[in-house]
Full PDB file with SEQRES, HELIX, SHEET, SSBOND, CRYST1, ORIGX, SCALE, CONECT and MASTER records, all heavy atoms in Angstrom:
SEQRES   1 A   35  ARG LYS VAL ALA GLY TYR THR ALA ARG LYS ALA LYS GLN          
SEQRES   2 A   35  LEU LEU LYS ASP PRO GLY ILE VAL ARG ASN ARG LEU LYS          
SEQRES   3 A   35  VAL ALA ALA ALA ILE ARG ASN ALA ARG                          
HELIX    1 AA1 ALA A    8  LEU A   15  1                                   8    
HELIX    2 AA2 ARG A   24  ALA A   34  1                                  11    
CRYST1    1.000    1.000    1.000  90.00  90.00  90.00 P 1           1          
ORIGX1      1.000000  0.000000  0.000000        0.00000                         
ORIGX2      0.000000  1.000000  0.000000        0.00000                         
ORIGX3      0.000000  0.000000  1.000000        0.00000                         
SCALE1      1.000000  0.000000  0.000000        0.00000                         
SCALE2      0.000000  1.000000  0.000000        0.00000                         
SCALE3      0.000000  0.000000  1.000000        0.00000                         
ATOM      1  N   ARG A   1     171.376 268.032 118.131  1.00  0.00           N  
ATOM      2  CA  ARG A   1     170.671 267.148 117.351  1.00  0.00           C  
ATOM      3  C   ARG A   1     170.717 265.699 117.815  1.00  0.00           C  
ATOM      4  O   ARG A   1     169.717 264.974 117.747  1.00  0.00           O  
ATOM      5  CB  ARG A   1     171.108 267.182 115.791  1.00  0.00           C  
ATOM      6  CG  ARG A   1     170.114 266.925 114.833  1.00  0.00           C  
ATOM      7  CD  ARG A   1     170.504 267.557 113.428  1.00  0.00           C  
ATOM      8  NE  ARG A   1     170.361 268.885 113.387  1.00  0.00           N  
ATOM      9  CZ  ARG A   1     169.302 269.529 113.280  1.00  0.00           C  
ATOM     10  NH1 ARG A   1     168.112 269.004 113.445  1.00  0.00           N  
ATOM     11  NH2 ARG A   1     169.227 270.880 113.089  1.00  0.00           N  
ATOM     12  N   LYS A   2     171.863 265.257 118.173  1.00  0.00           N  
ATOM     13  CA  LYS A   2     171.960 263.984 118.756  1.00  0.00           C  
ATOM     14  C   LYS A   2     171.243 263.750 120.063  1.00  0.00           C  
ATOM     15  O   LYS A   2     170.489 262.857 120.317  1.00  0.00           O  
ATOM     16  CB  LYS A   2     173.576 263.690 119.190  1.00  0.00           C  
ATOM     17  CG  LYS A   2     174.331 262.985 118.183  1.00  0.00           C  
ATOM     18  CD  LYS A   2     175.667 262.673 118.749  1.00  0.00           C  
ATOM     19  CE  LYS A   2     176.617 262.397 117.761  1.00  0.00           C  
ATOM     20  NZ  LYS A   2     178.073 262.203 118.181  1.00  0.00           N  
ATOM     21  N   VAL A   3     171.327 264.778 120.906  1.00  0.00           N  
ATOM     22  CA  VAL A   3     170.669 264.772 122.284  1.00  0.00           C  
ATOM     23  C   VAL A   3     169.115 264.743 122.064  1.00  0.00           C  
ATOM     24  O   VAL A   3     168.509 264.047 122.690  1.00  0.00           O  
ATOM     25  CB  VAL A   3     171.059 265.873 123.208  1.00  0.00           C  
ATOM     26  CG1 VAL A   3     170.263 265.808 124.478  1.00  0.00           C  
ATOM     27  CG2 VAL A   3     172.612 265.777 123.441  1.00  0.00           C  
ATOM     28  N   ALA A   4     168.640 265.486 121.066  1.00  0.00           N  
ATOM     29  CA  ALA A   4     167.207 265.558 120.748  1.00  0.00           C  
ATOM     30  C   ALA A   4     166.687 264.215 120.313  1.00  0.00           C  
ATOM     31  O   ALA A   4     165.594 263.970 120.481  1.00  0.00           O  
ATOM     32  CB  ALA A   4     166.933 266.666 119.616  1.00  0.00           C  
ATOM     33  N   GLY A   5     167.486 263.421 119.776  1.00  0.00           N  
ATOM     34  CA  GLY A   5     167.129 262.025 119.264  1.00  0.00           C  
ATOM     35  C   GLY A   5     167.140 260.962 120.433  1.00  0.00           C  
ATOM     36  O   GLY A   5     166.864 259.761 120.193  1.00  0.00           O  
ATOM     37  N   TYR A   6     167.633 261.380 121.685  1.00  0.00           N  
ATOM     38  CA  TYR A   6     167.588 260.399 122.710  1.00  0.00           C  
ATOM     39  C   TYR A   6     166.255 259.851 123.023  1.00  0.00           C  
ATOM     40  O   TYR A   6     165.336 260.585 123.147  1.00  0.00           O  
ATOM     41  CB  TYR A   6     168.411 260.972 123.924  1.00  0.00           C  
ATOM     42  CG  TYR A   6     169.841 261.134 123.875  1.00  0.00           C  
ATOM     43  CD1 TYR A   6     170.551 260.837 122.764  1.00  0.00           C  
ATOM     44  CD2 TYR A   6     170.513 261.573 124.989  1.00  0.00           C  
ATOM     45  CE1 TYR A   6     171.890 260.947 122.749  1.00  0.00           C  
ATOM     46  CE2 TYR A   6     171.830 261.792 124.943  1.00  0.00           C  
ATOM     47  CZ  TYR A   6     172.648 261.388 123.872  1.00  0.00           C  
ATOM     48  OH  TYR A   6     173.944 261.479 123.823  1.00  0.00           O  
ATOM     49  N   THR A   7     166.239 258.498 123.172  1.00  0.00           N  
ATOM     50  CA  THR A   7     165.036 257.741 123.528  1.00  0.00           C  
ATOM     51  C   THR A   7     164.871 257.616 124.966  1.00  0.00           C  
ATOM     52  O   THR A   7     165.750 257.909 125.756  1.00  0.00           O  
ATOM     53  CB  THR A   7     165.103 256.402 122.810  1.00  0.00           C  
ATOM     54  OG1 THR A   7     166.231 255.706 123.311  1.00  0.00           O  
ATOM     55  CG2 THR A   7     165.135 256.452 121.202  1.00  0.00           C  
ATOM     56  N   ALA A   8     163.674 257.030 125.288  1.00  0.00           N  
ATOM     57  CA  ALA A   8     163.547 256.594 126.858  1.00  0.00           C  
ATOM     58  C   ALA A   8     164.514 255.624 127.227  1.00  0.00           C  
ATOM     59  O   ALA A   8     165.022 255.763 128.441  1.00  0.00           O  
ATOM     60  CB  ALA A   8     162.095 256.199 127.030  1.00  0.00           C  
ATOM     61  N   ARG A   9     164.989 254.802 126.296  1.00  0.00           N  
ATOM     62  CA  ARG A   9     166.011 253.732 126.685  1.00  0.00           C  
ATOM     63  C   ARG A   9     167.309 254.422 126.996  1.00  0.00           C  
ATOM     64  O   ARG A   9     168.004 254.065 127.973  1.00  0.00           O  
ATOM     65  CB  ARG A   9     166.038 252.749 125.588  1.00  0.00           C  
ATOM     66  CG  ARG A   9     166.983 251.613 125.866  1.00  0.00           C  
ATOM     67  CD  ARG A   9     166.941 250.630 124.725  1.00  0.00           C  
ATOM     68  NE  ARG A   9     168.038 249.618 124.884  1.00  0.00           N  
ATOM     69  CZ  ARG A   9     168.523 248.896 123.960  1.00  0.00           C  
ATOM     70  NH1 ARG A   9     168.307 249.183 122.708  1.00  0.00           N  
ATOM     71  NH2 ARG A   9     169.571 248.010 124.297  1.00  0.00           N  
ATOM     72  N   LYS A  10     167.645 255.391 126.140  1.00  0.00           N  
ATOM     73  CA  LYS A  10     168.919 256.146 126.305  1.00  0.00           C  
ATOM     74  C   LYS A  10     168.868 256.908 127.684  1.00  0.00           C  
ATOM     75  O   LYS A  10     169.804 256.991 128.460  1.00  0.00           O  
ATOM     76  CB  LYS A  10     169.199 257.040 125.178  1.00  0.00           C  
ATOM     77  CG  LYS A  10     170.372 257.970 125.320  1.00  0.00           C  
ATOM     78  CD  LYS A  10     171.608 257.228 125.338  1.00  0.00           C  
ATOM     79  CE  LYS A  10     172.919 258.051 125.326  1.00  0.00           C  
ATOM     80  NZ  LYS A  10     174.199 257.303 125.306  1.00  0.00           N  
ATOM     81  N   ALA A  11     167.636 257.414 127.961  1.00  0.00           N  
ATOM     82  CA  ALA A  11     167.595 258.235 129.192  1.00  0.00           C  
ATOM     83  C   ALA A  11     167.752 257.361 130.377  1.00  0.00           C  
ATOM     84  O   ALA A  11     168.430 257.686 131.429  1.00  0.00           O  
ATOM     85  CB  ALA A  11     166.194 258.921 129.254  1.00  0.00           C  
ATOM     86  N   LYS A  12     167.273 256.043 130.372  1.00  0.00           N  
ATOM     87  CA  LYS A  12     167.554 255.130 131.361  1.00  0.00           C  
ATOM     88  C   LYS A  12     168.941 254.825 131.559  1.00  0.00           C  
ATOM     89  O   LYS A  12     169.425 254.680 132.684  1.00  0.00           O  
ATOM     90  CB  LYS A  12     166.695 253.884 131.180  1.00  0.00           C  
ATOM     91  CG  LYS A  12     165.191 254.044 131.502  1.00  0.00           C  
ATOM     92  CD  LYS A  12     164.459 252.745 131.358  1.00  0.00           C  
ATOM     93  CE  LYS A  12     163.009 252.913 131.494  1.00  0.00           C  
ATOM     94  NZ  LYS A  12     162.237 251.719 131.138  1.00  0.00           N  
ATOM     95  N   GLN A  13     169.602 254.621 130.464  1.00  0.00           N  
ATOM     96  CA  GLN A  13     171.038 254.400 130.509  1.00  0.00           C  
ATOM     97  C   GLN A  13     171.866 255.611 131.304  1.00  0.00           C  
ATOM     98  O   GLN A  13     172.715 255.319 131.981  1.00  0.00           O  
ATOM     99  CB  GLN A  13     171.693 254.265 129.105  1.00  0.00           C  
ATOM    100  CG  GLN A  13     171.319 252.955 128.373  1.00  0.00           C  
ATOM    101  CD  GLN A  13     171.765 252.845 127.006  1.00  0.00           C  
ATOM    102  OE1 GLN A  13     172.056 253.911 126.471  1.00  0.00           O  
ATOM    103  NE2 GLN A  13     171.711 251.704 126.351  1.00  0.00           N  
ATOM    104  N   LEU A  14     171.467 256.808 130.804  1.00  0.00           N  
ATOM    105  CA  LEU A  14     172.101 258.021 131.415  1.00  0.00           C  
ATOM    106  C   LEU A  14     171.907 258.044 132.942  1.00  0.00           C  
ATOM    107  O   LEU A  14     172.815 258.376 133.719  1.00  0.00           O  
ATOM    108  CB  LEU A  14     171.552 259.267 130.851  1.00  0.00           C  
ATOM    109  CG  LEU A  14     171.982 259.493 129.355  1.00  0.00           C  
ATOM    110  CD1 LEU A  14     171.236 260.618 128.768  1.00  0.00           C  
ATOM    111  CD2 LEU A  14     173.431 259.740 129.304  1.00  0.00           C  
ATOM    112  N   LEU A  15     170.771 257.570 133.408  1.00  0.00           N  
ATOM    113  CA  LEU A  15     170.437 257.505 134.894  1.00  0.00           C  
ATOM    114  C   LEU A  15     171.252 256.643 135.621  1.00  0.00           C  
ATOM    115  O   LEU A  15     171.366 256.545 136.848  1.00  0.00           O  
ATOM    116  CB  LEU A  15     168.897 257.249 135.107  1.00  0.00           C  
ATOM    117  CG  LEU A  15     168.010 258.395 134.713  1.00  0.00           C  
ATOM    118  CD1 LEU A  15     166.545 257.940 134.879  1.00  0.00           C  
ATOM    119  CD2 LEU A  15     168.306 259.613 135.556  1.00  0.00           C  
ATOM    120  N   LYS A  16     171.949 255.715 134.918  1.00  0.00           N  
ATOM    121  CA  LYS A  16     172.821 254.689 135.518  1.00  0.00           C  
ATOM    122  C   LYS A  16     174.359 255.182 135.425  1.00  0.00           C  
ATOM    123  O   LYS A  16     175.191 254.509 135.907  1.00  0.00           O  
ATOM    124  CB  LYS A  16     172.756 253.383 134.770  1.00  0.00           C  
ATOM    125  CG  LYS A  16     171.368 252.655 135.135  1.00  0.00           C  
ATOM    126  CD  LYS A  16     171.221 251.398 134.318  1.00  0.00           C  
ATOM    127  CE  LYS A  16     169.840 250.785 134.428  1.00  0.00           C  
ATOM    128  NZ  LYS A  16     169.652 249.660 133.568  1.00  0.00           N  
ATOM    129  N   ASP A  17     174.554 256.353 134.846  1.00  0.00           N  
ATOM    130  CA  ASP A  17     175.960 256.823 134.507  1.00  0.00           C  
ATOM    131  C   ASP A  17     176.428 257.541 135.839  1.00  0.00           C  
ATOM    132  O   ASP A  17     175.952 258.714 136.090  1.00  0.00           O  
ATOM    133  CB  ASP A  17     175.917 257.683 133.271  1.00  0.00           C  
ATOM    134  CG  ASP A  17     177.308 258.183 133.023  1.00  0.00           C  
ATOM    135  OD1 ASP A  17     178.309 258.183 133.769  1.00  0.00           O  
ATOM    136  OD2 ASP A  17     177.517 258.474 131.753  1.00  0.00           O  
ATOM    137  N   PRO A  18     177.345 257.143 136.608  1.00  0.00           N  
ATOM    138  CA  PRO A  18     177.835 257.911 137.770  1.00  0.00           C  
ATOM    139  C   PRO A  18     178.658 259.025 137.518  1.00  0.00           C  
ATOM    140  O   PRO A  18     178.835 259.885 138.367  1.00  0.00           O  
ATOM    141  CB  PRO A  18     178.639 256.717 138.529  1.00  0.00           C  
ATOM    142  CG  PRO A  18     179.144 255.887 137.404  1.00  0.00           C  
ATOM    143  CD  PRO A  18     178.075 255.786 136.375  1.00  0.00           C  
ATOM    144  N   GLY A  19     178.970 259.301 136.273  1.00  0.00           N  
ATOM    145  CA  GLY A  19     179.826 260.415 135.851  1.00  0.00           C  
ATOM    146  C   GLY A  19     178.977 261.697 135.717  1.00  0.00           C  
ATOM    147  O   GLY A  19     179.545 262.767 135.586  1.00  0.00           O  
ATOM    148  N   ILE A  20     177.619 261.634 135.825  1.00  0.00           N  
ATOM    149  CA  ILE A  20     176.823 262.753 135.607  1.00  0.00           C  
ATOM    150  C   ILE A  20     175.898 262.839 136.770  1.00  0.00           C  
ATOM    151  O   ILE A  20     175.733 261.952 137.628  1.00  0.00           O  
ATOM    152  CB  ILE A  20     175.958 262.762 134.294  1.00  0.00           C  
ATOM    153  CG1 ILE A  20     174.939 261.580 134.274  1.00  0.00           C  
ATOM    154  CG2 ILE A  20     176.931 262.751 133.120  1.00  0.00           C  
ATOM    155  CD1 ILE A  20     173.810 261.697 133.197  1.00  0.00           C  
ATOM    156  N   VAL A  21     175.083 263.838 136.950  1.00  0.00           N  
ATOM    157  CA  VAL A  21     174.047 263.961 138.023  1.00  0.00           C  
ATOM    158  C   VAL A  21     172.892 263.123 137.600  1.00  0.00           C  
ATOM    159  O   VAL A  21     172.193 263.290 136.524  1.00  0.00           O  
ATOM    160  CB  VAL A  21     173.669 265.468 138.207  1.00  0.00           C  
ATOM    161  CG1 VAL A  21     172.510 265.497 139.187  1.00  0.00           C  
ATOM    162  CG2 VAL A  21     174.758 266.319 138.542  1.00  0.00           C  
ATOM    163  N   ARG A  22     172.718 262.025 138.289  1.00  0.00           N  
ATOM    164  CA  ARG A  22     171.581 261.048 137.917  1.00  0.00           C  
ATOM    165  C   ARG A  22     170.310 261.510 138.560  1.00  0.00           C  
ATOM    166  O   ARG A  22     169.792 260.815 139.427  1.00  0.00           O  
ATOM    167  CB  ARG A  22     172.035 259.722 138.388  1.00  0.00           C  
ATOM    168  CG  ARG A  22     173.245 259.184 137.646  1.00  0.00           C  
ATOM    169  CD  ARG A  22     173.736 257.822 138.174  1.00  0.00           C  
ATOM    170  NE  ARG A  22     174.334 257.886 139.438  1.00  0.00           N  
ATOM    171  CZ  ARG A  22     174.900 256.782 140.046  1.00  0.00           C  
ATOM    172  NH1 ARG A  22     174.812 255.699 139.570  1.00  0.00           N  
ATOM    173  NH2 ARG A  22     175.625 257.080 141.139  1.00  0.00           N  
ATOM    174  N   ASN A  23     169.741 262.490 137.945  1.00  0.00           N  
ATOM    175  CA  ASN A  23     168.448 263.071 138.356  1.00  0.00           C  
ATOM    176  C   ASN A  23     167.471 262.906 137.148  1.00  0.00           C  
ATOM    177  O   ASN A  23     167.717 263.407 136.134  1.00  0.00           O  
ATOM    178  CB  ASN A  23     168.530 264.423 138.723  1.00  0.00           C  
ATOM    179  CG  ASN A  23     167.226 265.192 139.106  1.00  0.00           C  
ATOM    180  OD1 ASN A  23     166.399 265.310 138.301  1.00  0.00           O  
ATOM    181  ND2 ASN A  23     167.213 265.652 140.357  1.00  0.00           N  
ATOM    182  N   ARG A  24     166.482 262.119 137.295  1.00  0.00           N  
ATOM    183  CA  ARG A  24     165.489 261.838 136.218  1.00  0.00           C  
ATOM    184  C   ARG A  24     164.988 263.072 135.561  1.00  0.00           C  
ATOM    185  O   ARG A  24     164.971 263.253 134.369  1.00  0.00           O  
ATOM    186  CB  ARG A  24     164.277 260.995 136.748  1.00  0.00           C  
ATOM    187  CG  ARG A  24     163.346 260.509 135.782  1.00  0.00           C  
ATOM    188  CD  ARG A  24     162.294 259.693 136.309  1.00  0.00           C  
ATOM    189  NE  ARG A  24     161.570 260.299 137.444  1.00  0.00           N  
ATOM    190  CZ  ARG A  24     160.560 261.237 137.290  1.00  0.00           C  
ATOM    191  NH1 ARG A  24     160.244 261.589 136.065  1.00  0.00           N  
ATOM    192  NH2 ARG A  24     159.965 261.848 138.263  1.00  0.00           N  
ATOM    193  N   LEU A  25     164.578 264.136 136.412  1.00  0.00           N  
ATOM    194  CA  LEU A  25     164.054 265.307 135.827  1.00  0.00           C  
ATOM    195  C   LEU A  25     165.122 266.161 134.989  1.00  0.00           C  
ATOM    196  O   LEU A  25     164.776 266.648 133.935  1.00  0.00           O  
ATOM    197  CB  LEU A  25     163.467 266.212 136.999  1.00  0.00           C  
ATOM    198  CG  LEU A  25     162.160 265.642 137.680  1.00  0.00           C  
ATOM    199  CD1 LEU A  25     161.793 266.515 138.671  1.00  0.00           C  
ATOM    200  CD2 LEU A  25     161.073 265.413 136.723  1.00  0.00           C  
ATOM    201  N   LYS A  26     166.367 266.117 135.505  1.00  0.00           N  
ATOM    202  CA  LYS A  26     167.484 266.893 134.766  1.00  0.00           C  
ATOM    203  C   LYS A  26     167.749 266.222 133.521  1.00  0.00           C  
ATOM    204  O   LYS A  26     168.036 266.839 132.513  1.00  0.00           O  
ATOM    205  CB  LYS A  26     168.572 267.037 135.734  1.00  0.00           C  
ATOM    206  CG  LYS A  26     168.305 268.049 136.844  1.00  0.00           C  
ATOM    207  CD  LYS A  26     169.473 268.180 137.803  1.00  0.00           C  
ATOM    208  CE  LYS A  26     169.282 269.111 138.908  1.00  0.00           C  
ATOM    209  NZ  LYS A  26     170.392 269.316 139.859  1.00  0.00           N  
ATOM    210  N   VAL A  27     167.854 264.846 133.506  1.00  0.00           N  
ATOM    211  CA  VAL A  27     168.086 264.155 132.284  1.00  0.00           C  
ATOM    212  C   VAL A  27     167.065 264.291 131.219  1.00  0.00           C  
ATOM    213  O   VAL A  27     167.269 264.666 130.056  1.00  0.00           O  
ATOM    214  CB  VAL A  27     168.333 262.638 132.593  1.00  0.00           C  
ATOM    215  CG1 VAL A  27     168.421 261.795 131.275  1.00  0.00           C  
ATOM    216  CG2 VAL A  27     169.713 262.436 133.408  1.00  0.00           C  
ATOM    217  N   ALA A  28     165.770 264.274 131.732  1.00  0.00           N  
ATOM    218  CA  ALA A  28     164.637 264.488 130.728  1.00  0.00           C  
ATOM    219  C   ALA A  28     164.656 265.920 130.270  1.00  0.00           C  
ATOM    220  O   ALA A  28     164.433 266.119 129.110  1.00  0.00           O  
ATOM    221  CB  ALA A  28     163.267 264.167 131.457  1.00  0.00           C  
ATOM    222  N   ALA A  29     164.934 266.933 131.129  1.00  0.00           N  
ATOM    223  CA  ALA A  29     165.116 268.294 130.703  1.00  0.00           C  
ATOM    224  C   ALA A  29     166.069 268.450 129.667  1.00  0.00           C  
ATOM    225  O   ALA A  29     165.992 269.283 128.762  1.00  0.00           O  
ATOM    226  CB  ALA A  29     165.334 269.201 131.890  1.00  0.00           C  
ATOM    227  N   ALA A  30     167.256 267.870 129.835  1.00  0.00           N  
ATOM    228  CA  ALA A  30     168.369 267.960 128.849  1.00  0.00           C  
ATOM    229  C   ALA A  30     167.822 267.582 127.415  1.00  0.00           C  
ATOM    230  O   ALA A  30     168.144 268.280 126.424  1.00  0.00           O  
ATOM    231  CB  ALA A  30     169.560 267.197 129.268  1.00  0.00           C  
ATOM    232  N   ILE A  31     167.130 266.436 127.393  1.00  0.00           N  
ATOM    233  CA  ILE A  31     166.709 265.985 126.142  1.00  0.00           C  
ATOM    234  C   ILE A  31     165.552 266.942 125.504  1.00  0.00           C  
ATOM    235  O   ILE A  31     165.584 267.272 124.439  1.00  0.00           O  
ATOM    236  CB  ILE A  31     166.146 264.558 126.232  1.00  0.00           C  
ATOM    237  CG1 ILE A  31     167.341 263.600 126.661  1.00  0.00           C  
ATOM    238  CG2 ILE A  31     165.495 264.160 124.971  1.00  0.00           C  
ATOM    239  CD1 ILE A  31     166.792 262.161 127.200  1.00  0.00           C  
ATOM    240  N   ARG A  32     164.635 267.279 126.456  1.00  0.00           N  
ATOM    241  CA  ARG A  32     163.611 268.217 125.982  1.00  0.00           C  
ATOM    242  C   ARG A  32     164.299 269.627 125.584  1.00  0.00           C  
ATOM    243  O   ARG A  32     163.807 270.279 124.610  1.00  0.00           O  
ATOM    244  CB  ARG A  32     162.634 268.547 127.172  1.00  0.00           C  
ATOM    245  CG  ARG A  32     161.489 269.420 126.878  1.00  0.00           C  
ATOM    246  CD  ARG A  32     160.625 269.617 128.083  1.00  0.00           C  
ATOM    247  NE  ARG A  32     159.490 270.469 127.669  1.00  0.00           N  
ATOM    248  CZ  ARG A  32     158.209 270.073 127.755  1.00  0.00           C  
ATOM    249  NH1 ARG A  32     157.958 268.810 128.218  1.00  0.00           N  
ATOM    250  NH2 ARG A  32     157.325 270.938 127.400  1.00  0.00           N  
ATOM    251  N   ASN A  33     165.308 270.123 126.218  1.00  0.00           N  
ATOM    252  CA  ASN A  33     165.921 271.367 126.048  1.00  0.00           C  
ATOM    253  C   ASN A  33     166.555 271.176 124.594  1.00  0.00           C  
ATOM    254  O   ASN A  33     166.690 272.274 123.828  1.00  0.00           O  
ATOM    255  CB  ASN A  33     166.808 271.705 127.130  1.00  0.00           C  
ATOM    256  CG  ASN A  33     166.008 272.309 128.379  1.00  0.00           C  
ATOM    257  OD1 ASN A  33     164.832 272.451 128.245  1.00  0.00           O  
ATOM    258  ND2 ASN A  33     166.764 272.517 129.465  1.00  0.00           N  
ATOM    259  N   ALA A  34     167.172 270.072 124.280  1.00  0.00           N  
ATOM    260  CA  ALA A  34     167.813 269.941 122.985  1.00  0.00           C  
ATOM    261  C   ALA A  34     166.732 270.032 121.859  1.00  0.00           C  
ATOM    262  O   ALA A  34     167.028 270.806 120.870  1.00  0.00           O  
ATOM    263  CB  ALA A  34     168.435 268.517 122.874  1.00  0.00           C  
ATOM    264  N   ARG A  35     165.583 269.512 122.158  1.00  0.00           N  
ATOM    265  CA  ARG A  35     164.518 269.710 120.971  1.00  0.00           C  
ATOM    266  C   ARG A  35     164.012 271.128 121.031  1.00  0.00           C  
ATOM    267  O   ARG A  35     163.884 271.626 119.855  1.00  0.00           O  
ATOM    268  CB  ARG A  35     163.326 268.749 121.443  1.00  0.00           C  
ATOM    269  CG  ARG A  35     163.847 267.253 121.241  1.00  0.00           C  
ATOM    270  CD  ARG A  35     162.753 266.360 121.747  1.00  0.00           C  
ATOM    271  NE  ARG A  35     163.335 264.923 121.733  1.00  0.00           N  
ATOM    272  CZ  ARG A  35     162.838 263.968 122.534  1.00  0.00           C  
ATOM    273  NH1 ARG A  35     161.937 264.024 123.369  1.00  0.00           N  
ATOM    274  NH2 ARG A  35     163.459 262.733 122.334  1.00  0.00           N  
TER     275      ARG A  35                                                      
MASTER        0    0    0    2    0    0    0    6  274    1    0    3          
END                                                                             
């Protein structure tokens, strides 16, 4: 439920996080998959 509510701004923040795989398509997919 939290991830489904992530905004474009949150996605941009995630793409700056060195602790995860910073792949735009994978981050977008995680949010889409939550929904």
